[in-house]
């Protein structure tokens, strides 16, 4: 934004400079060239008065004035009689016929002529002035002065360069002042952007100092601070509510579980089946309460990640879940856990992530199948794969799997919060979580963690 504001200031300044300096420079250049022509015409008329008696009355004359004038600058003076033959030529001898020169012919006809012509000898344009020599209205000859306008053109070029220098100084001054103004506008907007990024990451303990921002931006900053404060209060109240509700629900759920377990043992037949079903729902409600409490804690301020060995953690969870898997003759196999793989992870996050993913994998896999836990190491990140042998998910289902309370198969027992917790823990650790299609048709749950001490640490 700063560059755009500065570019707009400079663009307006350039337009103004072009509108002002180009016409002004052109006017000065025209004035300089017109002044040279006017001066040559004046000098030619003076010389004409000197040689009028010689041409009109055949009086004696001296070429001295013409040569003296020619010596004062890079000019050539030619004085011709009525027949067009020169009587004075400061570069060539006299008696040369000039009737082939249009400016001489026009001057002999009584007109004052000026213009430019190309000198093949010098390789550049020369400026000429031709005036009639007349007495009593009768033309008796002509005077032509030819001059090199190089000095005037040099002066004009120097003036253009002066204008360019002035423009450069003005642009530099506008750039300096514009940068200060642009920064005063962009600084609070940048602060709001950075604060929004922090808020997106979960840090709502933010307050922006508007500094010397303009009134509208100061108001924007104040509104943002107010919004962040209110949002922080709402989230804190929500977290407190979820935590308190989850905590308060544990006691009646525990009591209800004990009563249902007692009823299940005392009842027989269909009543016992109903009690068992009710007990299963109470267990699911208990898991839901625990997971809601876990999400509420994760939505708060996360602890500092620590370095752990993913290989050791993965192998420990495999050993813990093997007895449960063996009840259905499901093999839990590990691969890549023989080599240490240090990563930065939130305390306890790997255990909770693997517990959720292995639990889902066992629920999705049929009896007498296999669940694979594979560790793939890298230079920046390590990745844990939990691959089941189930039916898998299509692209749409995998895209929604991390939504809270979403369940692909409503017939299966679950809360719909397991994968949401996995994703939240992975992202809070500086990594990511995603679902892919396994080679055998099942689901490949991949969780990535930054290498300890590497550039991937968040």
Foldseek 3Di string as FASTA:
>chain_A
DLVVLLVVLLVVLVVVLCVPVVVVLVVVLVVLVVVVQVVQQVVFVVVLVQCLCCQPVVDDHDLVVQLVVCVVAVKWKFKWWLQQWTPHTNVDHTRDHPPVPPCQVVQSVADWDWDWDADPVVGGIKIKIKHFRDDPNHTTIIMMMIHHCVVSVVVSVVVVVVSVVVSVVVSVVSSVVSSVVSCLAVVLVVVLVVQVVCVVVLDLPDADDSPNHDPVSVVVSVVSNVVSVVVVVVLVVVLVVLQVVLVVVVVVLVVLLVVLVVQLVVDDDPSNVVSVVVNLVSVLVNVLSVLSNVVSVLSHDADFWDKDWLLVLVVVLQVVCQVVLVVLLEAEEEEPSPDTFIFTFGVPLSVLLCVLLVVVQSQQAHGNYYWYWYWAHDDWKIKIKIWHLGQADDPVCQVCLLPAQDDPDPVGRHRSHSSVSNQSRLVVQLWGWGWDADPNNHIIIMGMGTGVPHPSGD
